[in-house]
Amino acid sequence: MTTIATDVAEILHYINGAPSAGTGTQTQPVYNPATGEVTGQLRLANDEDLAQAVAIAKAASETWGEVSIAKRSKILFRFQQLLTEHTDELARIITSEHGKVLSDAAGEISRGIEVVEYACGISQSLKGEYSDQVSTGIDVFSFRQPLGVVAGITPFNFPVMVPLWMAPVAIATGNTFILKPSERDPSASLLIAKLFKEAGLPDGVFQVLHGGKDTVDGLLSHPDIDGISFVGSTPIAKYVHETATKHGKRVQALGGAKNHAVIMPDADMDLAADHINAAAFGSAGQRCMAISVAVAVGDAADALVDKLAEHAGKVNVSHGFDEKADMGPVITPASKSRLQKIVGEAEQAGAALVIDGRDLVVKDHENGFFVGPTIIDKVSREMSAYTEEIFGPVLVVLRVDSLEEAIEVVNANPYGNGTAIFTSSGAHARTYTRRIQVGMVGVNVPLPVPVAWHSFGGWKDSLFGEHHIYGPDGVRFYTRGKAITQRWPEPAKGTAATFNFPSN
């Protein structure tokens, strides 16, 4: 930790409708990954700051949950409009702190806006059920009510999209929301908070609290927080789920991934290689839905590897503001070093390096955290390049003899986030989609991220908790069902009570 520097921006919390320095004295540097330079000093919350934010959210929840659905929707419609108007500004903030290229940053924002649009129609999603005359003179109806105060703990790789997967649905359903963004690229969350306020959201309904593990633990254990949404690595997701559940909270914790693309011999190899290349190296591979394993079936292998190398060789790696760039740097020097280590281990273990991007240097950005596209062929399932979630621009190729073996490989992996199959056979596609033990599956689509009116989530070690994120599952997660059984007897007639258990 450091003291606040005077030559860089001070990045504050957002508490009760306004930026706040809080009372904590610790800070943490924020870097531009393309240059390696410190661009900001992030204020970190202490226990007092956390207690204040939760107390404000608790008080706001008592009134926000009573606001009509029509008024909530109106605010979200305005918020959606403001996000669209400020897309360029948000994208530039993302690029400056994350490193991804501007077009990719804008795409992230667009997918986040899609969830806001879904939340604007919350009146449809919150419709209850009614059963007339279930017994003589008795009706039963049900509806859903907000949890109260919920918190979102979000990763660095999507500093706008993932918060927008959570907050709009939580707020639309009547909850107040505390966002704990990644310390690596926190500034976009403050503009989101500002736009929520401009849209008319009451103070205290959406707040931003920066911090590290102490802040996370405080959110997981605070008695006035009713739900936790998390996206991050599997070890932390498991910890978040276990800790928050132990403290009586509802939890959705999305973990890591090792996404496989299975390529059949009957696939269009140019299409497969082009799309796998983009899915593996887009955003420098720092996506939970990135394709990191190409499973080449039978005769597909040699042709696929040749095509992948051809496409990867054309990827333009540069800083994110370069309009010609296809991908930028990884997030930290530690990430770069880890990637270099894993690639080296695979090479030493006998894998074939088709393209090696470990020593890439971008002109005039020599101190940036760059790693070029890397393809490793003939990888075995014991190598760290296969067993670990790489989270960088590294694609490994596994060779198998049949679709049956490919399915066995994917199902044996502990992760179950996303997968894809490239084939021209409907029979192969149907077999794969039905038998594969993965939550999101693409057919000739390498990044099968569901649209907002479905829900996003994996299986196995990629999800802890029963609810997926956004869409219908998001509505169910942020609300509780209530069933009402009612009788309105006619005056003076009444209804005789009985000591027997009520029956119809």
Protein backbone atom coordinates (compact mmCIF):
# COMPACT_ATOMS: atom_id res chain seq x y z
CA MET A 1 0.00 0.00 0.00
CA THR A 2 1.11 3.55 -0.63
CA THR A 3 0.13 7.05 0.27
CA ILE A 4 -1.74 9.11 -2.30
CA ALA A 5 0.52 10.51 -5.00
CA THR A 6 -0.06 14.07 -6.17
CA ASP A 7 0.63 13.55 -9.88
CA VAL A 8 -2.03 10.92 -10.57
CA ALA A 9 -5.80 10.80 -10.21
CA GLU A 10 -7.35 9.92 -6.88
CA ILE A 11 -10.07 7.30 -7.40
CA LEU A 12 -12.82 7.57 -4.79
CA HIS A 13 -15.74 5.52 -3.55
CA TYR A 14 -19.32 6.49 -4.44
CA ILE A 15 -21.43 6.63 -1.30
CA ASN A 16 -24.96 7.96 -0.84
CA GLY A 17 -25.13 9.61 -4.25
CA ALA A 18 -21.73 11.33 -4.30
CA PRO A 19 -17.99 10.61 -4.61
CA SER A 20 -16.42 9.95 -1.22
CA ALA A 21 -12.84 9.60 -0.02
CA GLY A 22 -14.07 7.61 2.96
CA THR A 23 -12.10 7.47 6.18
CA GLY A 24 -9.61 4.81 5.13
CA THR A 25 -6.04 5.95 4.58
CA GLN A 26 -4.73 3.07 2.48
CA THR A 27 -4.48 3.32 -1.29
CA GLN A 28 -3.41 1.12 -4.16
CA PRO A 29 -1.94 2.10 -7.55
CA VAL A 30 -3.89 1.62 -10.78
CA TYR A 31 -1.83 1.01 -13.93
CA ASN A 32 -2.15 1.51 -17.65
CA PRO A 33 -1.21 -2.00 -18.86
CA ALA A 34 -0.06 -0.71 -22.24
CA THR A 35 2.57 1.59 -20.74
CA GLY A 36 3.20 0.17 -17.29
CA GLU A 37 2.61 3.63 -15.81
CA VAL A 38 0.63 4.40 -12.67
CA THR A 39 -2.43 6.40 -13.66
CA GLY A 40 -4.35 6.54 -10.40
CA GLN A 41 -4.35 5.91 -6.69
CA LEU A 42 -7.38 3.97 -5.50
CA ARG A 43 -8.88 4.68 -2.11
CA LEU A 44 -9.46 1.46 -0.18
CA ALA A 45 -12.33 1.14 2.25
CA ASN A 46 -11.92 0.41 5.93
CA ASP A 47 -14.49 -1.10 8.30
CA GLU A 48 -16.08 2.28 8.95
CA ASP A 49 -16.56 2.97 5.24
CA LEU A 50 -18.16 -0.43 4.73
CA ALA A 51 -20.48 0.01 7.70
CA GLN A 52 -21.56 3.41 6.39
CA ALA A 53 -22.28 2.13 2.88
CA VAL A 54 -24.31 -0.82 4.18
CA ALA A 55 -26.29 1.34 6.60
CA ILE A 56 -27.16 3.77 3.80
CA ALA A 57 -28.15 0.89 1.50
CA LYS A 58 -30.27 -0.63 4.27
CA ALA A 59 -32.16 2.60 4.83
CA ALA A 60 -32.62 3.14 1.08
CA SER A 61 -33.94 -0.40 0.61
CA GLU A 62 -36.90 0.31 2.86
CA THR A 63 -38.19 2.97 0.46
CA TRP A 64 -36.83 1.79 -2.90
CA GLY A 65 -38.58 -1.56 -2.58
CA GLU A 66 -41.89 0.31 -2.28
CA VAL A 67 -41.35 2.40 -5.42
CA SER A 68 -43.72 1.37 -8.19
CA ILE A 69 -42.48 -0.93 -10.92
CA ALA A 70 -43.41 1.73 -13.48
CA LYS A 71 -41.15 4.32 -11.82
CA ARG A 72 -38.27 1.85 -11.51
CA SER A 73 -38.60 1.01 -15.21
CA LYS A 74 -38.64 4.68 -16.16
CA ILE A 75 -35.32 5.24 -14.36
CA LEU A 76 -33.79 2.20 -16.05
CA PHE A 77 -34.95 3.38 -19.48
CA ARG A 78 -33.21 6.68 -18.84
CA PHE A 79 -30.10 4.87 -17.56
CA GLN A 80 -30.00 2.79 -20.75
CA GLN A 81 -30.13 5.97 -22.82
CA LEU A 82 -27.30 7.55 -20.83
CA LEU A 83 -25.12 4.46 -21.16
CA THR A 84 -25.59 4.59 -24.91
CA GLU A 85 -24.73 8.29 -25.02
CA HIS A 86 -21.60 7.75 -22.90
CA THR A 87 -20.36 4.57 -24.59
CA ASP A 88 -17.28 6.27 -26.06
CA GLU A 89 -16.31 7.76 -22.70
CA LEU A 90 -16.83 4.47 -20.88
CA ALA A 91 -14.85 2.59 -23.54
CA ARG A 92 -11.90 4.94 -23.20
CA ILE A 93 -11.88 4.44 -19.42
CA ILE A 94 -11.92 0.66 -19.88
CA THR A 95 -9.09 0.75 -22.41
CA SER A 96 -6.93 3.01 -20.27
CA GLU A 97 -7.13 0.71 -17.22
CA HIS A 98 -7.78 -2.74 -18.67
CA GLY A 99 -5.87 -2.49 -21.94
CA LYS A 100 -8.44 -4.05 -24.29
CA VAL A 101 -8.93 -2.34 -27.64
CA LEU A 102 -11.59 0.34 -27.93
CA SER A 103 -13.86 -1.70 -30.21
CA ASP A 104 -13.80 -4.58 -27.72
CA ALA A 105 -14.55 -2.19 -24.85
CA ALA A 106 -17.52 -0.79 -26.78
CA GLY A 107 -18.73 -4.34 -27.42
CA GLU A 108 -18.57 -5.09 -23.71
CA ILE A 109 -20.71 -2.04 -22.97
CA SER A 110 -23.22 -3.06 -25.64
CA ARG A 111 -23.72 -6.48 -24.04
CA GLY A 112 -24.16 -4.81 -20.66
CA ILE A 113 -26.77 -2.44 -22.08
CA GLU A 114 -28.66 -5.49 -23.34
CA VAL A 115 -29.17 -6.58 -19.71
CA VAL A 116 -30.35 -3.07 -18.78
CA GLU A 117 -32.92 -3.32 -21.57
CA TYR A 118 -34.09 -6.65 -20.14
CA ALA A 119 -34.39 -5.04 -16.70
CA CYS A 120 -36.50 -2.24 -18.20
CA GLY A 121 -39.18 -4.86 -18.82
CA ILE A 122 -39.21 -6.01 -15.21
CA SER A 123 -42.99 -5.61 -15.02
CA GLN A 124 -43.33 -8.71 -17.18
CA SER A 125 -40.76 -10.72 -15.20
CA LEU A 126 -42.35 -9.89 -11.83
CA LYS A 127 -45.87 -10.90 -12.76
CA GLY A 128 -47.23 -13.24 -10.11
CA GLU A 129 -49.76 -16.08 -10.24
CA TYR A 130 -53.39 -16.26 -9.11
CA SER A 131 -55.64 -19.24 -8.47
CA ASP A 132 -59.33 -18.51 -7.96
CA GLN A 133 -61.57 -20.60 -5.70
CA VAL A 134 -58.99 -23.21 -4.67
CA SER A 135 -61.41 -24.05 -1.88
CA THR A 136 -64.84 -22.65 -1.17
CA GLY A 137 -64.41 -18.89 -0.89
CA ILE A 138 -60.62 -19.12 -0.81
CA ASP A 139 -58.16 -17.78 -3.40
CA VAL A 140 -54.37 -18.15 -3.55
CA PHE A 141 -51.94 -15.79 -5.23
CA SER A 142 -48.18 -15.37 -5.24
CA PHE A 143 -45.67 -12.64 -5.98
CA ARG A 144 -41.98 -11.93 -5.54
CA GLN A 145 -40.36 -9.36 -3.27
CA PRO A 146 -36.79 -8.00 -3.13
CA LEU A 147 -34.16 -9.48 -0.84
CA GLY A 148 -33.13 -6.05 0.50
CA VAL A 149 -29.43 -5.14 0.27
CA VAL A 150 -27.27 -7.06 -2.20
CA ALA A 151 -23.62 -6.72 -3.18
CA GLY A 152 -21.72 -7.47 -6.37
CA ILE A 153 -18.03 -8.42 -6.40
CA THR A 154 -16.78 -8.16 -9.98
CA PRO A 155 -13.60 -9.06 -11.91
CA PHE A 156 -11.15 -6.93 -13.87
CA ASN A 157 -11.82 -8.45 -17.28
CA PHE A 158 -15.24 -6.84 -17.79
CA PRO A 159 -15.36 -3.69 -15.64
CA VAL A 160 -18.66 -2.52 -17.18
CA MET A 161 -20.43 -5.60 -18.53
CA VAL A 162 -20.31 -7.77 -15.41
CA PRO A 163 -21.57 -5.02 -13.05
CA LEU A 164 -24.37 -4.46 -15.57
CA TRP A 165 -25.15 -8.19 -15.45
CA MET A 166 -25.98 -7.68 -11.77
CA ALA A 167 -26.99 -4.18 -10.72
CA PRO A 168 -29.83 -3.38 -13.17
CA VAL A 169 -31.69 -6.61 -12.41
CA ALA A 170 -31.13 -6.22 -8.67
CA ILE A 171 -32.30 -2.61 -8.72
CA ALA A 172 -35.25 -3.29 -11.03
CA THR A 173 -36.52 -5.95 -8.62
CA GLY A 174 -36.43 -3.45 -5.73
CA ASN A 175 -33.06 -4.08 -4.05
CA THR A 176 -30.27 -1.68 -3.22
CA PHE A 177 -26.86 -2.60 -4.59
CA ILE A 178 -23.26 -2.18 -3.42
CA LEU A 179 -20.62 -2.76 -6.09
CA LYS A 180 -17.11 -3.85 -5.13
CA PRO A 181 -15.26 -3.64 -8.46
CA SER A 182 -11.79 -4.96 -9.23
CA GLU A 183 -9.01 -2.78 -7.86
CA ARG A 184 -7.21 -3.09 -11.21
CA ASP A 185 -9.69 -1.10 -13.32
CA PRO A 186 -12.15 0.62 -10.98
CA SER A 187 -12.87 3.96 -12.67
CA ALA A 188 -15.66 2.82 -15.02
CA SER A 189 -17.78 1.91 -11.99
CA LEU A 190 -17.78 5.53 -10.88
CA LEU A 191 -19.14 6.74 -14.21
CA ILE A 192 -21.83 4.05 -13.97
CA ALA A 193 -22.77 5.42 -10.54
CA LYS A 194 -22.89 8.97 -11.90
CA LEU A 195 -25.16 7.89 -14.78
CA PHE A 196 -27.49 6.04 -12.40
CA LYS A 197 -27.88 9.24 -10.39
CA GLU A 198 -28.44 11.33 -13.52
CA ALA A 199 -31.12 8.84 -14.55
CA GLY A 200 -32.99 9.62 -11.33
CA LEU A 201 -31.97 6.73 -9.09
CA PRO A 202 -32.35 7.78 -5.43
CA ASP A 203 -29.19 8.17 -3.35
CA GLY A 204 -28.05 5.01 -1.64
CA VAL A 205 -29.64 2.59 -4.11
CA PHE A 206 -26.38 2.10 -6.04
CA GLN A 207 -23.03 2.59 -4.33
CA VAL A 208 -19.40 1.77 -5.15
CA LEU A 209 -16.97 0.60 -2.49
CA HIS A 210 -13.34 -0.11 -3.35
CA GLY A 211 -11.19 -2.53 -1.42
CA GLY A 212 -9.35 -5.82 -1.22
CA LYS A 213 -9.93 -9.02 0.70
CA ASP A 214 -10.86 -7.24 3.94
CA THR A 215 -13.67 -5.43 2.14
CA VAL A 216 -14.84 -8.62 0.46
CA ASP A 217 -14.89 -10.45 3.80
CA GLY A 218 -16.83 -7.57 5.32
CA LEU A 219 -19.48 -7.82 2.62
CA LEU A 220 -19.69 -11.60 2.95
CA SER A 221 -20.26 -11.46 6.69
CA HIS A 222 -22.26 -8.25 7.27
CA PRO A 223 -25.65 -9.13 8.78
CA ASP A 224 -27.52 -6.47 6.77
CA ILE A 225 -26.44 -7.79 3.37
CA ASP A 226 -28.91 -10.33 2.05
CA GLY A 227 -27.31 -11.53 -1.19
CA ILE A 228 -23.91 -11.76 -2.87
CA SER A 229 -23.19 -11.95 -6.59
CA PHE A 230 -19.62 -12.83 -7.58
CA VAL A 231 -17.67 -13.44 -10.78
CA GLY A 232 -14.01 -14.47 -10.62
CA SER A 233 -11.69 -17.43 -10.26
CA THR A 234 -12.91 -20.81 -9.02
CA PRO A 235 -10.95 -20.86 -5.72
CA ILE A 236 -12.33 -17.44 -4.78
CA ALA A 237 -15.83 -18.29 -6.00
CA LYS A 238 -15.82 -21.36 -3.76
CA TYR A 239 -14.59 -19.26 -0.83
CA VAL A 240 -17.22 -16.58 -1.44
CA HIS A 241 -19.99 -19.18 -1.65
CA GLU A 242 -18.93 -21.03 1.50
CA THR A 243 -18.32 -17.88 3.56
CA ALA A 244 -21.44 -15.97 2.57
CA THR A 245 -23.65 -19.04 2.84
CA LYS A 246 -22.31 -19.67 6.33
CA HIS A 247 -23.49 -16.15 7.19
CA GLY A 248 -26.99 -16.84 5.93
CA LYS A 249 -26.82 -15.08 2.57
CA ARG A 250 -28.10 -16.07 -0.81
CA VAL A 251 -25.11 -16.49 -3.14
CA GLN A 252 -24.41 -16.82 -6.83
CA ALA A 253 -20.68 -17.28 -7.41
CA LEU A 254 -19.41 -17.78 -10.94
CA GLY A 255 -15.93 -19.26 -11.14
CA GLY A 256 -13.27 -20.01 -13.71
CA ALA A 257 -13.28 -21.82 -17.02
CA LYS A 258 -11.33 -23.99 -19.40
CA ASN A 259 -13.42 -23.68 -22.53
CA HIS A 260 -12.97 -26.29 -25.26
CA ALA A 261 -13.86 -26.00 -28.93
CA VAL A 262 -14.25 -29.36 -30.65
CA ILE A 263 -13.44 -29.29 -34.36
CA MET A 264 -14.76 -32.16 -36.47
CA PRO A 265 -13.17 -33.21 -39.78
CA ASP A 266 -16.34 -32.09 -41.61
CA ALA A 267 -16.10 -28.53 -40.25
CA ASP A 268 -15.42 -25.52 -42.46
CA MET A 269 -11.76 -25.13 -41.43
CA ASP A 270 -11.46 -21.51 -42.50
CA LEU A 271 -14.55 -20.56 -40.53
CA ALA A 272 -13.46 -22.60 -37.50
CA ALA A 273 -9.92 -21.22 -37.47
CA ASP A 274 -11.09 -17.63 -37.95
CA HIS A 275 -13.61 -17.80 -35.13
CA ILE A 276 -11.41 -19.79 -32.73
CA ASN A 277 -8.59 -17.32 -33.35
CA ALA A 278 -10.84 -14.41 -32.35
CA ALA A 279 -12.26 -16.30 -29.38
CA ALA A 280 -8.81 -17.28 -28.10
CA PHE A 281 -6.99 -13.98 -28.57
CA GLY A 282 -9.70 -11.33 -28.34
CA SER A 283 -9.23 -9.22 -25.20
CA ALA A 284 -5.82 -10.94 -24.90
CA GLY A 285 -7.64 -14.12 -23.89
CA GLN A 286 -8.83 -12.52 -20.65
CA ARG A 287 -12.42 -13.67 -20.92
CA CYS A 288 -14.18 -16.34 -18.89
CA MET A 289 -15.71 -17.48 -22.19
CA ALA A 290 -12.46 -17.44 -24.17
CA ILE A 291 -11.62 -20.60 -26.10
CA SER A 292 -8.37 -21.86 -24.60
CA VAL A 293 -8.45 -25.46 -25.88
CA ALA A 294 -8.99 -26.60 -29.46
CA VAL A 295 -9.87 -30.31 -29.52
CA ALA A 296 -9.03 -31.48 -33.05
CA VAL A 297 -10.79 -34.69 -34.03
CA GLY A 298 -9.04 -37.12 -36.36
CA ASP A 299 -8.05 -35.71 -39.74
CA ALA A 300 -9.05 -32.19 -38.67
CA ALA A 301 -5.83 -31.67 -36.68
CA ASP A 302 -3.13 -30.83 -39.23
CA ALA A 303 -5.39 -28.69 -41.38
CA LEU A 304 -6.73 -26.86 -38.34
CA VAL A 305 -3.31 -26.10 -36.88
CA ASP A 306 -2.11 -24.73 -40.21
CA LYS A 307 -5.17 -22.49 -40.49
CA LEU A 308 -4.90 -21.34 -36.86
CA ALA A 309 -1.26 -20.38 -37.38
CA GLU A 310 -2.18 -18.47 -40.53
CA HIS A 311 -4.90 -16.48 -38.78
CA ALA A 312 -2.91 -15.90 -35.58
CA GLY A 313 0.00 -14.55 -37.58
CA LYS A 314 -2.21 -11.71 -38.79
CA VAL A 315 -3.28 -10.54 -35.31
CA ASN A 316 -2.18 -6.96 -34.71
CA VAL A 317 -1.08 -6.51 -31.09
CA SER A 318 -0.82 -2.93 -29.90
CA HIS A 319 -2.09 -0.48 -27.32
CA GLY A 320 -5.87 -0.30 -27.06
CA PHE A 321 -6.19 3.16 -28.59
CA ASP A 322 -4.55 2.01 -31.82
CA GLU A 323 -7.45 1.75 -34.28
CA LYS A 324 -5.65 -1.04 -36.16
CA ALA A 325 -5.12 -3.18 -33.05
CA ASP A 326 -6.89 -6.50 -32.63
CA MET A 327 -5.75 -7.11 -29.04
CA GLY A 328 -3.88 -5.26 -26.33
CA PRO A 329 -1.79 -6.22 -23.27
CA VAL A 330 -2.57 -8.50 -20.36
CA ILE A 331 -3.54 -6.86 -17.11
CA THR A 332 -0.36 -7.06 -14.95
CA PRO A 333 3.33 -7.97 -15.11
CA ALA A 334 2.51 -10.98 -12.92
CA SER A 335 0.01 -12.19 -15.53
CA LYS A 336 2.63 -11.88 -18.24
CA SER A 337 5.22 -13.79 -16.19
CA ARG A 338 2.75 -16.56 -15.39
CA LEU A 339 1.87 -17.00 -19.06
CA GLN A 340 5.53 -17.17 -20.02
CA LYS A 341 6.11 -19.81 -17.35
CA ILE A 342 3.19 -22.01 -18.45
CA VAL A 343 4.22 -21.88 -22.12
CA GLY A 344 7.80 -22.75 -21.17
CA GLU A 345 6.64 -25.74 -19.13
CA ALA A 346 4.61 -27.06 -22.06
CA GLU A 347 7.56 -26.72 -24.40
CA GLN A 348 9.86 -28.54 -21.97
CA ALA A 349 7.27 -31.32 -21.58
CA GLY A 350 7.33 -32.01 -25.32
CA ALA A 351 4.50 -29.88 -26.75
CA ALA A 352 5.07 -28.18 -30.10
CA LEU A 353 5.16 -24.38 -30.12
CA VAL A 354 3.43 -23.33 -33.33
CA ILE A 355 3.48 -19.60 -32.54
CA ASP A 356 5.36 -18.16 -29.56
CA GLY A 357 4.25 -14.73 -28.35
CA ARG A 358 6.13 -14.67 -25.06
CA ASP A 359 8.72 -12.07 -26.06
CA LEU A 360 6.52 -9.72 -28.04
CA VAL A 361 7.48 -6.04 -27.73
CA VAL A 362 5.23 -3.24 -28.97
CA LYS A 363 7.14 -0.27 -30.36
CA ASP A 364 7.02 2.81 -28.09
CA HIS A 365 5.31 0.67 -25.43
CA GLU A 366 8.27 -1.38 -24.33
CA ASN A 367 7.17 -1.30 -20.68
CA GLY A 368 3.67 -2.56 -21.45
CA PHE A 369 2.45 -5.97 -20.34
CA PHE A 370 2.23 -7.52 -23.79
CA VAL A 371 2.09 -11.20 -24.74
CA GLY A 372 1.43 -12.13 -28.36
CA PRO A 373 -0.87 -14.87 -29.66
CA THR A 374 0.57 -18.25 -28.75
CA ILE A 375 -0.45 -21.65 -30.12
CA ILE A 376 0.78 -24.89 -28.54
CA ASP A 377 0.11 -28.12 -30.43
CA LYS A 378 0.26 -31.73 -29.24
CA VAL A 379 -0.54 -30.83 -25.64
CA SER A 380 -1.32 -33.63 -23.20
CA ARG A 381 -3.94 -33.47 -20.47
CA GLU A 382 -1.25 -33.63 -17.77
CA MET A 383 0.51 -30.39 -18.80
CA SER A 384 -0.10 -27.20 -16.81
CA ALA A 385 -1.03 -25.50 -20.09
CA TYR A 386 -4.10 -27.74 -20.08
CA THR A 387 -4.86 -28.15 -16.38
CA GLU A 388 -4.64 -24.47 -15.41
CA GLU A 389 -6.97 -21.65 -16.36
CA ILE A 390 -4.43 -19.66 -18.40
CA PHE A 391 -6.45 -16.43 -18.85
CA GLY A 392 -4.22 -15.06 -21.57
CA PRO A 393 -3.66 -15.26 -25.35
CA VAL A 394 -2.58 -18.90 -25.32
CA LEU A 395 -4.42 -21.58 -27.30
CA VAL A 396 -3.57 -25.24 -26.75
CA VAL A 397 -4.43 -27.99 -29.24
CA LEU A 398 -5.40 -31.48 -28.09
CA ARG A 399 -5.64 -34.24 -30.69
CA VAL A 400 -8.24 -36.99 -30.31
CA ASP A 401 -9.50 -39.76 -32.58
CA SER A 402 -13.28 -39.41 -32.34
CA LEU A 403 -16.21 -37.31 -31.21
CA GLU A 404 -16.73 -39.83 -28.41
CA GLU A 405 -13.20 -39.18 -27.14
CA ALA A 406 -13.67 -35.42 -27.46
CA ILE A 407 -16.81 -35.58 -25.33
CA GLU A 408 -14.94 -37.65 -22.73
CA VAL A 409 -12.13 -35.06 -22.62
CA VAL A 410 -14.49 -32.12 -22.11
CA ASN A 411 -16.67 -33.89 -19.55
CA ALA A 412 -13.63 -34.99 -17.55
CA ASN A 413 -12.47 -31.40 -17.12
CA PRO A 414 -13.46 -29.92 -13.74
CA TYR A 415 -14.74 -26.72 -15.37
CA GLY A 416 -18.07 -26.50 -17.17
CA ASN A 417 -18.51 -22.91 -18.26
CA GLY A 418 -18.65 -22.77 -22.06
CA THR A 419 -17.85 -24.97 -25.03
CA ALA A 420 -18.39 -25.14 -28.79
CA ILE A 421 -18.43 -27.63 -31.61
CA PHE A 422 -17.56 -26.83 -35.21
CA THR A 423 -19.20 -29.24 -37.64
CA SER A 424 -21.43 -29.41 -40.69
CA SER A 425 -23.29 -32.42 -39.25
CA GLY A 426 -26.54 -31.88 -37.41
CA ALA A 427 -26.18 -35.35 -35.89
CA HIS A 428 -22.75 -34.50 -34.44
CA ALA A 429 -24.04 -31.18 -33.12
CA ARG A 430 -27.10 -32.75 -31.48
CA THR A 431 -25.05 -35.52 -29.89
CA TYR A 432 -22.57 -32.98 -28.53
CA THR A 433 -25.09 -30.48 -27.17
CA ARG A 434 -27.07 -33.18 -25.39
CA ARG A 435 -24.19 -35.16 -23.87
CA ILE A 436 -21.76 -32.42 -22.93
CA GLN A 437 -21.66 -31.45 -19.24
CA VAL A 438 -21.24 -27.71 -19.74
CA GLY A 439 -23.64 -24.87 -19.02
CA MET A 440 -23.33 -22.90 -22.27
CA VAL A 441 -22.81 -24.56 -25.64
CA GLY A 442 -22.21 -23.11 -29.09
CA VAL A 443 -22.68 -24.80 -32.44
CA ASN A 444 -20.30 -23.09 -34.88
CA VAL A 445 -20.39 -20.23 -32.34
CA PRO A 446 -17.20 -20.03 -30.23
CA LEU A 447 -18.44 -17.62 -27.54
CA PRO A 448 -21.96 -18.83 -26.70
CA VAL A 449 -22.82 -16.03 -24.27
CA PRO A 450 -26.63 -16.09 -23.95
CA VAL A 451 -28.66 -13.01 -24.77
CA ALA A 452 -30.01 -11.09 -21.78
CA TRP A 453 -33.43 -12.75 -21.72
CA HIS A 454 -31.82 -16.10 -21.07
CA SER A 455 -29.30 -16.57 -18.24
CA PHE A 456 -25.51 -16.94 -18.08
CA GLY A 457 -23.86 -19.66 -16.04
CA GLY A 458 -21.73 -22.77 -16.10
CA TRP A 459 -21.69 -26.17 -14.43
CA LYS A 460 -19.29 -28.01 -12.13
CA ASP A 461 -16.43 -25.83 -10.80
CA SER A 462 -17.60 -22.87 -12.87
CA LEU A 463 -20.62 -22.12 -10.68
CA PHE A 464 -21.32 -22.27 -6.94
CA GLY A 465 -24.94 -21.75 -6.03
CA GLU A 466 -28.04 -22.75 -7.94
CA HIS A 467 -28.75 -19.49 -9.78
CA HIS A 468 -27.20 -18.35 -13.04
CA ILE A 469 -26.72 -14.63 -13.62
CA TYR A 470 -29.03 -12.04 -15.29
CA GLY A 471 -32.17 -12.97 -17.23
CA PRO A 472 -34.90 -15.05 -15.56
CA ASP A 473 -32.46 -16.65 -13.11
CA GLY A 474 -31.25 -13.19 -12.10
CA VAL A 475 -34.80 -12.12 -11.28
CA ARG A 476 -35.32 -15.24 -9.18
CA PHE A 477 -32.01 -14.75 -7.40
CA TYR A 478 -32.72 -11.16 -6.33
CA THR A 479 -36.28 -11.88 -5.15
CA ARG A 480 -38.14 -14.18 -2.78
CA GLY A 481 -41.50 -15.76 -3.48
CA LYS A 482 -44.48 -15.20 -1.24
CA ALA A 483 -47.79 -17.08 -1.43
CA ILE A 484 -51.01 -15.58 -0.03
CA THR A 485 -54.07 -17.64 0.84
CA GLN A 486 -57.09 -15.41 1.46
CA ARG A 487 -60.78 -15.59 2.33
CA TRP A 488 -63.26 -12.72 2.32
CA PRO A 489 -66.41 -14.10 4.00
CA GLU A 490 -69.69 -12.34 3.48
CA PRO A 491 -70.69 -10.12 6.44
CA ALA A 492 -72.63 -11.84 9.21
CA LYS A 493 -72.31 -15.28 7.61
CA GLY A 494 -68.74 -16.16 8.56
CA THR A 495 -67.23 -19.60 8.10
CA ALA A 496 -67.12 -22.31 10.70
CA ALA A 497 -63.61 -23.19 11.86
CA THR A 498 -62.44 -26.75 12.23
CA PHE A 499 -59.76 -28.42 14.32
CA ASN A 500 -58.86 -30.71 11.44
CA PHE A 501 -55.96 -29.88 9.13
CA PRO A 502 -57.43 -27.65 6.39
CA SER A 503 -58.36 -29.48 3.20
CA ASN A 504 -60.02 -28.61 -0.05
